[in-house]
Amino acid sequence: MINNLKDAQKNRLYKNKLSYGSKPQHYDMIVFSHIRWQFVYQRPQHIMSRMAKKMKILFIEEPLQYDENKDLGNLIIVDEKLHVLQPNVTEIESIAEIIPAYVKNETISFGWFYSAAFCPLMGFIDFDTVIYDCVEELSISKGTSADLLHQEKYLISQADIVFTAGKSLYESKKRFHNNVHCFPNSVDESHFSRALNGIAIPEDIAAVKSPIVGFYGVIDDRIDLQLLHDVAKKMPNISFVMIGPLTETAEANLPKEPNIHYLGMKYYNELPNYLKAFDIAMMPFKINESTHYLNPNKTLEYMAAAKPVISTRVNDVARDYSICVSLIDTADDFCESIKFLLEKRDRLSMEMEYYKILQDTSWNATVDKIDLTIKAFA
C-alpha cells in the first residue's frame, strides 16, 4: 500500500502495523470525505452504501483529535462491507501512519476523494484508479484557503475519473479534465414516498399550527434568513418550520418570530415523518456565488413525498424543474406562491410532472451508471 516513502519510513509504518494488535482487512476502495458519515445523510452516504454491495469500502473522515482517547481511531462497522474510520490524529498526513493498522492489502483498487484536503495521502497510498467526486465549487466557497485550491488542482490532475454532483459543477470541471461525468444528486423515492402513507407525524411538528411551510437540511450561510424573516412577518398565519443542524450560522442570527419553528437535526429515517406534516416544502437559498453550483438533494425528495415546492432560483433547480417548482425572487413572490399553492394549485398536474421526473432518476440507477463508467475506464 505504501509507496513513495523513504524505506525507513515505510518500514516504520509496517512495524507499527504489527504492534497495534488490530486485525487489518482487505479493502477494495478507500473513500476520503470531509462529510462525516453520521452527519446529515447525503450524497456520500447514498453512493457508498450502494457501492458497498459490490466491494468492501473503508470510508475515512477528516481527523478529529480526542485527547482522552489513545486509540488510533474509531472504526464504525456500518455493515460487513462498509466501515467508517474516524482517525484520532492531529493532521491529515498522519492518517498514512495509521492506515496499515486497518488495511491489509498494499495496493487499493480505488481511491475515492470527496475532499481535496486528503490529496497529500496520494504520495503514501498506491491506488489503481483515483476518482474525484466533486460536490462543491471550492473557488467560490467561503473560507476556502489557497492551499485547498492548489490541492484540488493537483487532485484533478491526478484523478483518472471526475464525477460531479450537478450540471453547473460539470460545466465548471469539464474545462480541466478530459474524463468528467455528471451524475446529479438523486433520490430514494421509496423512502420519501412513505410520507404519502399512514406513518406517524412526530409530536414536535404535530404541535405546530398548520398550514406548514417546511425545510430540512443544513442551516448555514447559504440560507436566506432575511427572506425567511420577511415572509414570516408578512404571513403570520403560516407556520415556517426549519429542520436541521446549524453550521456557519450562530443561533443568535436566526430570525425570531412566533410562527418560525426550529426543530433541530433529525435522523434520515425520520425525515418522511416530518415531511408528511408539510403543506408546502421550501428551499430559501440565497442566490449568490456560493449557491450557483448547488444541486439540492431535497428537491427530488420533496417531489417523492408529493409536496408543492417553493424555491429561490438556484441555477440547477431553475434549469431542470421550473415546470413544477414555484420559483421566487422576493418575499412578495414567496407570499403569492404560498397563497396560490394552498388555494389554487392543480395537484394532479403537479403529481404527473413529479412522476415523469422521478421515473428518470434514483440513487440505485445513478450508482449503476457510476459503476458502468468505472468499469469502462478500467
Protein backbone atom coordinates (compact mmCIF):
# COMPACT_ATOMS: atom_id res chain seq x y z
CA MET A 1 0.00 0.00 0.00
CA ILE A 2 2.68 2.47 0.92
CA ASN A 3 4.80 3.83 -1.85
CA ASN A 4 6.80 6.98 -2.50
CA LEU A 5 8.17 6.90 1.03
CA LYS A 6 11.71 6.53 2.14
CA ASP A 7 12.39 2.89 3.02
CA ALA A 8 12.94 3.71 6.67
CA GLN A 9 9.58 5.43 6.96
CA LYS A 10 7.86 2.63 5.13
CA ASN A 11 9.36 0.06 7.47
CA ARG A 12 8.27 2.09 10.48
CA LEU A 13 4.69 2.14 9.28
CA TYR A 14 4.56 -1.60 8.90
CA LYS A 15 6.34 -2.15 12.20
CA ASN A 16 3.56 -0.08 13.80
CA LYS A 17 1.01 -2.20 11.98
CA LEU A 18 2.25 -5.28 13.82
CA SER A 19 2.47 -3.58 17.20
CA TYR A 20 -1.07 -2.15 17.15
CA GLY A 21 -2.58 -5.57 17.73
CA SER A 22 -5.51 -4.89 15.41
CA LYS A 23 -6.68 -7.05 12.53
CA PRO A 24 -6.16 -5.25 9.21
CA GLN A 25 -8.64 -6.15 6.50
CA HIS A 26 -8.66 -6.19 2.72
CA TYR A 27 -10.50 -3.23 1.17
CA ASP A 28 -11.36 -2.65 -2.49
CA MET A 29 -11.93 1.08 -2.05
CA ILE A 30 -10.85 3.81 0.35
CA VAL A 31 -13.05 6.91 0.45
CA PHE A 32 -11.78 10.22 1.86
CA SER A 33 -14.53 12.59 2.95
CA HIS A 34 -14.99 15.93 4.69
CA ILE A 35 -18.66 14.99 5.12
CA ARG A 36 -18.98 12.87 8.24
CA TRP A 37 -20.93 9.65 7.93
CA GLN A 38 -23.11 10.31 10.96
CA PHE A 39 -23.94 13.91 9.99
CA VAL A 40 -26.72 14.80 7.55
CA TYR A 41 -27.34 11.81 5.27
CA GLN A 42 -26.48 12.94 1.76
CA ARG A 43 -24.61 12.07 -1.44
CA PRO A 44 -21.59 10.20 0.03
CA GLN A 45 -23.79 8.01 2.21
CA HIS A 46 -26.22 7.27 -0.62
CA ILE A 47 -23.49 6.33 -3.08
CA MET A 48 -21.21 4.41 -0.75
CA SER A 49 -23.96 2.37 0.91
CA ARG A 50 -24.83 1.12 -2.59
CA MET A 51 -21.25 0.71 -3.84
CA ALA A 52 -20.62 -1.47 -0.78
CA LYS A 53 -22.96 -4.09 -2.19
CA LYS A 54 -20.26 -4.80 -4.81
CA MET A 55 -16.99 -4.08 -2.98
CA LYS A 56 -15.56 -3.64 0.51
CA ILE A 57 -15.14 0.04 1.44
CA LEU A 58 -13.27 1.94 4.11
CA PHE A 59 -14.72 5.44 4.47
CA ILE A 60 -12.21 7.78 6.16
CA GLU A 61 -13.32 11.05 7.71
CA GLU A 62 -11.22 14.13 8.41
CA PRO A 63 -9.10 13.83 11.59
CA LEU A 64 -10.73 14.59 14.90
CA GLN A 65 -8.31 14.57 17.81
CA TYR A 66 -9.55 13.07 21.08
CA ASP A 67 -7.04 13.82 23.84
CA GLU A 68 -8.61 11.32 26.21
CA ASN A 69 -8.68 8.57 23.59
CA LYS A 70 -5.32 6.87 22.97
CA ASP A 71 -6.63 4.63 20.19
CA LEU A 72 -5.54 5.25 16.60
CA GLY A 73 -9.09 5.90 15.56
CA ASN A 74 -12.69 4.87 15.93
CA LEU A 75 -13.81 2.20 13.47
CA ILE A 76 -17.57 2.11 12.89
CA ILE A 77 -18.92 -1.07 11.29
CA VAL A 78 -21.86 0.12 9.21
CA ASP A 79 -22.19 -3.37 7.79
CA GLU A 80 -19.93 -6.22 6.74
CA LYS A 81 -18.64 -4.42 3.63
CA LEU A 82 -18.76 -0.79 4.74
CA HIS A 83 -16.58 0.55 7.56
CA VAL A 84 -16.10 4.15 8.68
CA LEU A 85 -12.78 5.24 10.19
CA GLN A 86 -12.63 8.36 12.36
CA PRO A 87 -8.86 8.96 12.63
CA ASN A 88 -7.62 10.05 16.05
CA VAL A 89 -4.73 12.14 14.70
CA THR A 90 -3.90 15.83 14.53
CA GLU A 91 -3.46 16.26 10.78
CA ILE A 92 -4.38 14.57 7.52
CA GLU A 93 -0.83 13.46 6.68
CA SER A 94 -0.76 11.40 9.89
CA ILE A 95 -3.56 9.22 8.54
CA ALA A 96 -0.90 7.48 6.41
CA GLU A 97 0.75 6.19 9.57
CA ILE A 98 -2.39 4.53 10.94
CA ILE A 99 -3.84 3.09 7.72
CA PRO A 100 -1.67 -0.06 7.91
CA ALA A 101 -3.36 -0.89 11.20
CA TYR A 102 -6.67 -1.17 9.36
CA VAL A 103 -5.84 -2.09 5.75
CA LYS A 104 -4.10 -5.33 4.81
CA ASN A 105 -3.58 -5.01 1.06
CA GLU A 106 -0.67 -2.97 -0.27
CA THR A 107 -2.49 -1.81 -3.42
CA ILE A 108 -6.02 -0.45 -3.30
CA SER A 109 -8.18 -0.80 -6.40
CA PHE A 110 -9.96 2.54 -5.94
CA GLY A 111 -9.22 5.79 -4.12
CA TRP A 112 -12.36 7.93 -3.99
CA PHE A 113 -11.99 11.57 -2.89
CA TYR A 114 -14.74 13.90 -1.73
CA SER A 115 -12.22 16.40 -0.40
CA ALA A 116 -9.01 17.62 -1.99
CA ALA A 117 -7.61 18.19 1.50
CA PHE A 118 -6.74 14.48 1.56
CA CYS A 119 -4.56 14.59 -1.56
CA PRO A 120 -1.25 14.61 0.43
CA LEU A 121 -2.07 10.95 1.16
CA MET A 122 -1.76 10.13 -2.54
CA GLY A 123 2.01 10.05 -2.08
CA PHE A 124 1.68 7.32 0.53
CA ILE A 125 -1.00 5.03 -0.88
CA ASP A 126 -0.94 3.07 -4.11
CA PHE A 127 -4.31 3.26 -5.92
CA ASP A 128 -5.05 1.58 -9.24
CA THR A 129 -7.73 4.17 -10.01
CA VAL A 130 -8.27 7.61 -8.48
CA ILE A 131 -11.78 9.12 -8.53
CA TYR A 132 -12.79 12.65 -7.54
CA ASP A 133 -16.49 13.09 -6.80
CA CYS A 134 -16.87 16.87 -6.76
CA VAL A 135 -19.74 18.14 -4.62
CA GLU A 136 -18.92 21.85 -4.40
CA GLU A 137 -17.14 24.62 -6.25
CA LEU A 138 -14.24 25.44 -3.96
CA SER A 139 -13.18 28.55 -5.86
CA ILE A 140 -16.25 30.43 -4.62
CA SER A 141 -16.81 28.72 -1.26
CA LYS A 142 -16.49 30.96 1.76
CA GLY A 143 -13.27 30.44 3.69
CA THR A 144 -11.57 28.21 1.11
CA SER A 145 -7.81 28.52 1.55
CA ALA A 146 -5.32 28.99 -1.28
CA ASP A 147 -3.75 25.68 -0.22
CA LEU A 148 -7.03 23.82 -0.72
CA LEU A 149 -7.47 25.33 -4.19
CA HIS A 150 -3.97 24.15 -5.13
CA GLN A 151 -4.76 20.72 -3.70
CA GLU A 152 -7.89 20.48 -5.82
CA LYS A 153 -5.92 21.35 -8.96
CA TYR A 154 -3.46 18.60 -8.07
CA LEU A 155 -6.25 16.11 -7.33
CA ILE A 156 -7.91 16.81 -10.69
CA SER A 157 -4.58 16.38 -12.46
CA GLN A 158 -4.04 13.01 -10.77
CA ALA A 159 -7.61 11.71 -10.98
CA ASP A 160 -8.50 9.10 -13.58
CA ILE A 161 -12.20 9.97 -13.41
CA VAL A 162 -14.05 13.07 -12.17
CA PHE A 163 -17.73 12.95 -11.21
CA THR A 164 -19.85 15.99 -10.40
CA ALA A 165 -22.98 16.33 -8.26
CA GLY A 166 -24.75 18.66 -10.68
CA LYS A 167 -24.78 20.16 -14.16
CA SER A 168 -23.30 23.51 -13.16
CA LEU A 169 -20.40 21.76 -11.47
CA TYR A 170 -19.94 19.62 -14.57
CA GLU A 171 -19.68 22.71 -16.77
CA SER A 172 -17.03 24.06 -14.42
CA LYS A 173 -14.88 20.92 -14.11
CA LYS A 174 -15.01 19.67 -17.69
CA ARG A 175 -12.63 22.52 -18.60
CA PHE A 176 -9.87 20.91 -16.54
CA HIS A 177 -10.16 17.18 -17.23
CA ASN A 178 -10.97 15.00 -20.21
CA ASN A 179 -12.93 12.33 -18.30
CA VAL A 180 -15.65 14.20 -16.39
CA HIS A 181 -19.13 12.76 -15.89
CA CYS A 182 -22.22 14.45 -14.47
CA PHE A 183 -24.23 12.36 -12.01
CA PRO A 184 -26.60 14.80 -10.32
CA ASN A 185 -27.87 14.21 -6.82
CA SER A 186 -30.79 11.81 -6.90
CA VAL A 187 -33.44 10.34 -4.60
CA ASP A 188 -34.52 7.21 -2.75
CA GLU A 189 -38.14 7.55 -3.84
CA SER A 190 -39.43 4.60 -1.83
CA HIS A 191 -38.04 6.15 1.37
CA PHE A 192 -39.60 9.59 0.95
CA SER A 193 -42.87 8.39 -0.56
CA ARG A 194 -43.57 6.92 2.88
CA ALA A 195 -44.86 10.41 3.65
CA LEU A 196 -47.87 9.51 1.48
CA ASN A 197 -48.74 6.56 3.72
CA GLY A 198 -50.09 6.20 7.23
CA ILE A 199 -46.87 6.95 9.09
CA ALA A 200 -46.98 8.91 12.33
CA ILE A 201 -46.28 12.64 12.47
CA PRO A 202 -43.77 13.38 15.27
CA GLU A 203 -45.07 15.22 18.32
CA ASP A 204 -42.87 18.30 17.96
CA ILE A 205 -44.18 19.16 14.50
CA ALA A 206 -47.70 17.91 15.22
CA ALA A 207 -47.86 20.68 17.82
CA VAL A 208 -47.15 23.32 15.15
CA LYS A 209 -50.20 25.11 13.76
CA SER A 210 -50.95 24.39 10.11
CA PRO A 211 -50.55 25.28 7.32
CA ILE A 212 -46.84 24.48 7.49
CA VAL A 213 -44.16 25.59 5.03
CA GLY A 214 -41.14 23.47 5.85
CA PHE A 215 -37.45 22.99 5.15
CA TYR A 216 -34.98 20.34 6.21
CA GLY A 217 -31.24 20.29 5.68
CA VAL A 218 -28.16 22.07 6.92
CA ILE A 219 -28.96 25.60 8.12
CA ASP A 220 -25.86 27.53 7.11
CA ASP A 221 -24.88 30.78 5.45
CA ARG A 222 -26.43 29.65 2.16
CA ILE A 223 -29.93 30.00 3.65
CA ASP A 224 -31.57 33.38 3.06
CA LEU A 225 -32.60 34.05 6.66
CA GLN A 226 -33.69 37.59 5.83
CA LEU A 227 -36.08 36.24 3.20
CA LEU A 228 -37.47 33.75 5.71
CA HIS A 229 -37.90 36.52 8.28
CA ASP A 230 -39.65 38.86 5.84
CA VAL A 231 -42.10 36.21 4.65
CA ALA A 232 -42.88 35.07 8.19
CA LYS A 233 -43.73 38.65 9.19
CA LYS A 234 -45.94 39.12 6.13
CA MET A 235 -47.80 35.82 6.73
CA PRO A 236 -48.32 35.44 10.50
CA ASN A 237 -50.96 32.73 9.99
CA ILE A 238 -48.50 30.45 8.21
CA SER A 239 -46.04 28.33 10.24
CA PHE A 240 -42.48 28.10 8.94
CA VAL A 241 -40.56 25.04 10.13
CA MET A 242 -36.79 24.68 9.85
CA ILE A 243 -35.32 21.22 10.49
CA GLY A 244 -31.58 20.60 10.58
CA PRO A 245 -28.29 21.41 12.28
CA LEU A 246 -26.74 24.87 12.39
CA THR A 247 -23.35 25.27 10.73
CA GLU A 248 -21.55 28.53 9.96
CA THR A 249 -24.58 30.32 11.43
CA ALA A 250 -24.92 31.36 15.05
CA GLU A 251 -28.21 30.71 16.79
CA ALA A 252 -28.32 34.40 17.70
CA ASN A 253 -28.55 35.24 13.97
CA LEU A 254 -31.66 33.16 13.35
CA PRO A 255 -34.82 35.18 12.75
CA LYS A 256 -37.20 35.01 15.69
CA GLU A 257 -40.93 35.21 15.03
CA PRO A 258 -43.80 33.37 16.74
CA ASN A 259 -44.51 31.48 13.52
CA ILE A 260 -40.92 30.33 12.84
CA HIS A 261 -40.07 27.00 14.46
CA TYR A 262 -36.61 25.41 14.68
CA LEU A 263 -36.85 21.70 15.42
CA GLY A 264 -33.15 20.78 15.28
CA MET A 265 -31.43 17.93 13.48
CA LYS A 266 -33.40 14.76 12.68
CA TYR A 267 -32.24 11.35 11.51
CA TYR A 268 -32.62 10.39 7.86
CA ASN A 269 -35.15 7.70 8.77
CA GLU A 270 -37.34 10.33 10.46
CA LEU A 271 -37.49 12.78 7.56
CA PRO A 272 -40.54 11.25 5.80
CA ASN A 273 -42.49 11.55 9.04
CA TYR A 274 -41.69 15.26 9.26
CA LEU A 275 -42.22 15.78 5.55
CA LYS A 276 -45.70 14.33 5.93
CA ALA A 277 -46.62 17.32 8.09
CA PHE A 278 -45.52 19.89 5.48
CA ASP A 279 -48.23 21.54 3.41
CA ILE A 280 -45.52 23.15 1.26
CA ALA A 281 -41.79 22.42 1.10
CA MET A 282 -39.35 25.27 0.64
CA MET A 283 -35.75 25.89 -0.40
CA PRO A 284 -34.98 29.50 0.61
CA PHE A 285 -31.39 29.64 -0.58
CA LYS A 286 -29.52 32.85 -1.19
CA ILE A 287 -28.73 33.50 -4.83
CA ASN A 288 -25.04 34.25 -4.99
CA GLU A 289 -21.73 32.62 -5.89
CA SER A 290 -21.95 30.14 -3.02
CA THR A 291 -25.19 28.62 -4.35
CA HIS A 292 -24.53 28.89 -8.09
CA TYR A 293 -23.32 25.26 -8.23
CA LEU A 294 -25.80 23.86 -5.72
CA ASN A 295 -27.87 20.82 -6.64
CA PRO A 296 -30.06 20.13 -3.59
CA ASN A 297 -30.93 16.50 -2.83
CA LYS A 298 -34.12 17.68 -1.21
CA THR A 299 -35.71 18.88 -4.47
CA LEU A 300 -36.43 15.32 -5.57
CA GLU A 301 -37.12 14.15 -2.01
CA TYR A 302 -39.87 16.75 -1.68
CA MET A 303 -41.29 15.56 -5.01
CA ALA A 304 -41.27 11.92 -3.88
CA ALA A 305 -43.50 12.99 -0.98
CA ALA A 306 -45.78 14.87 -3.45
CA LYS A 307 -45.23 18.20 -1.71
CA PRO A 308 -45.56 21.50 -3.58
CA VAL A 309 -42.13 23.15 -3.70
CA ILE A 310 -41.15 26.81 -3.50
CA SER A 311 -37.53 27.67 -4.24
CA THR A 312 -35.37 30.65 -4.96
CA ARG A 313 -33.77 30.50 -8.40
CA VAL A 314 -30.92 28.11 -7.69
CA ASN A 315 -29.32 27.50 -11.07
CA ASP A 316 -29.76 23.71 -11.35
CA VAL A 317 -33.27 23.83 -9.84
CA ALA A 318 -34.42 26.55 -12.24
CA ARG A 319 -32.87 24.76 -15.22
CA ASP A 320 -34.40 21.33 -14.57
CA TYR A 321 -37.60 21.84 -12.56
CA SER A 322 -39.13 25.19 -13.47
CA ILE A 323 -42.19 23.43 -14.89
CA CYS A 324 -43.26 22.16 -11.46
CA VAL A 325 -41.34 24.14 -8.80
CA SER A 326 -42.55 27.62 -7.88
CA LEU A 327 -39.51 29.84 -8.41
CA ILE A 328 -39.41 33.10 -6.47
CA ASP A 329 -37.17 36.15 -6.23
CA THR A 330 -38.64 38.25 -3.44
CA ALA A 331 -40.60 37.95 -0.20
CA ASP A 332 -43.72 39.14 -2.04
CA ASP A 333 -43.22 36.41 -4.67
CA PHE A 334 -42.85 33.88 -1.85
CA CYS A 335 -46.11 35.02 -0.23
CA GLU A 336 -48.00 34.86 -3.53
CA SER A 337 -46.69 31.36 -4.21
CA ILE A 338 -47.80 30.16 -0.78
CA LYS A 339 -51.29 31.55 -1.32
CA PHE A 340 -51.55 30.00 -4.78
CA LEU A 341 -50.28 26.58 -3.71
CA LEU A 342 -52.62 26.45 -0.73
CA GLU A 343 -55.72 27.64 -2.57
CA LYS A 344 -55.49 27.06 -6.33
CA ARG A 345 -52.82 24.53 -7.23
CA ASP A 346 -53.63 21.73 -9.64
CA ARG A 347 -52.46 18.77 -7.57
CA LEU A 348 -53.00 16.17 -10.31
CA SER A 349 -50.92 18.12 -12.83
CA MET A 350 -48.16 18.65 -10.26
CA GLU A 351 -48.01 14.97 -9.37
CA MET A 352 -47.91 13.96 -13.05
CA GLU A 353 -44.87 16.20 -13.59
CA TYR A 354 -43.24 14.79 -10.47
CA TYR A 355 -43.89 11.27 -11.74
CA LYS A 356 -42.16 12.00 -15.06
CA ILE A 357 -39.12 13.42 -13.29
CA LEU A 358 -38.83 10.65 -10.70
CA GLN A 359 -39.09 7.94 -13.34
CA ASP A 360 -35.79 9.14 -14.78
CA THR A 361 -33.70 9.10 -11.63
CA SER A 362 -32.91 7.17 -8.46
CA TRP A 363 -29.80 6.61 -6.36
CA ASN A 364 -29.85 2.95 -7.43
CA ALA A 365 -29.82 3.90 -11.11
CA THR A 366 -27.19 6.59 -10.53
CA VAL A 367 -24.84 4.17 -8.78
CA ASP A 368 -25.37 1.58 -11.53
CA LYS A 369 -24.30 4.21 -14.10
CA ILE A 370 -21.30 5.18 -11.95
CA ASP A 371 -20.30 1.53 -11.76
CA LEU A 372 -20.52 1.17 -15.55
CA THR A 373 -18.44 4.32 -16.03
CA ILE A 374 -15.72 2.99 -13.74
CA LYS A 375 -15.71 -0.40 -15.47
CA ALA A 376 -15.49 1.25 -18.88
CA PHE A 377 -12.38 3.14 -17.74
CA ALA A 378 -10.78 0.03 -16.27
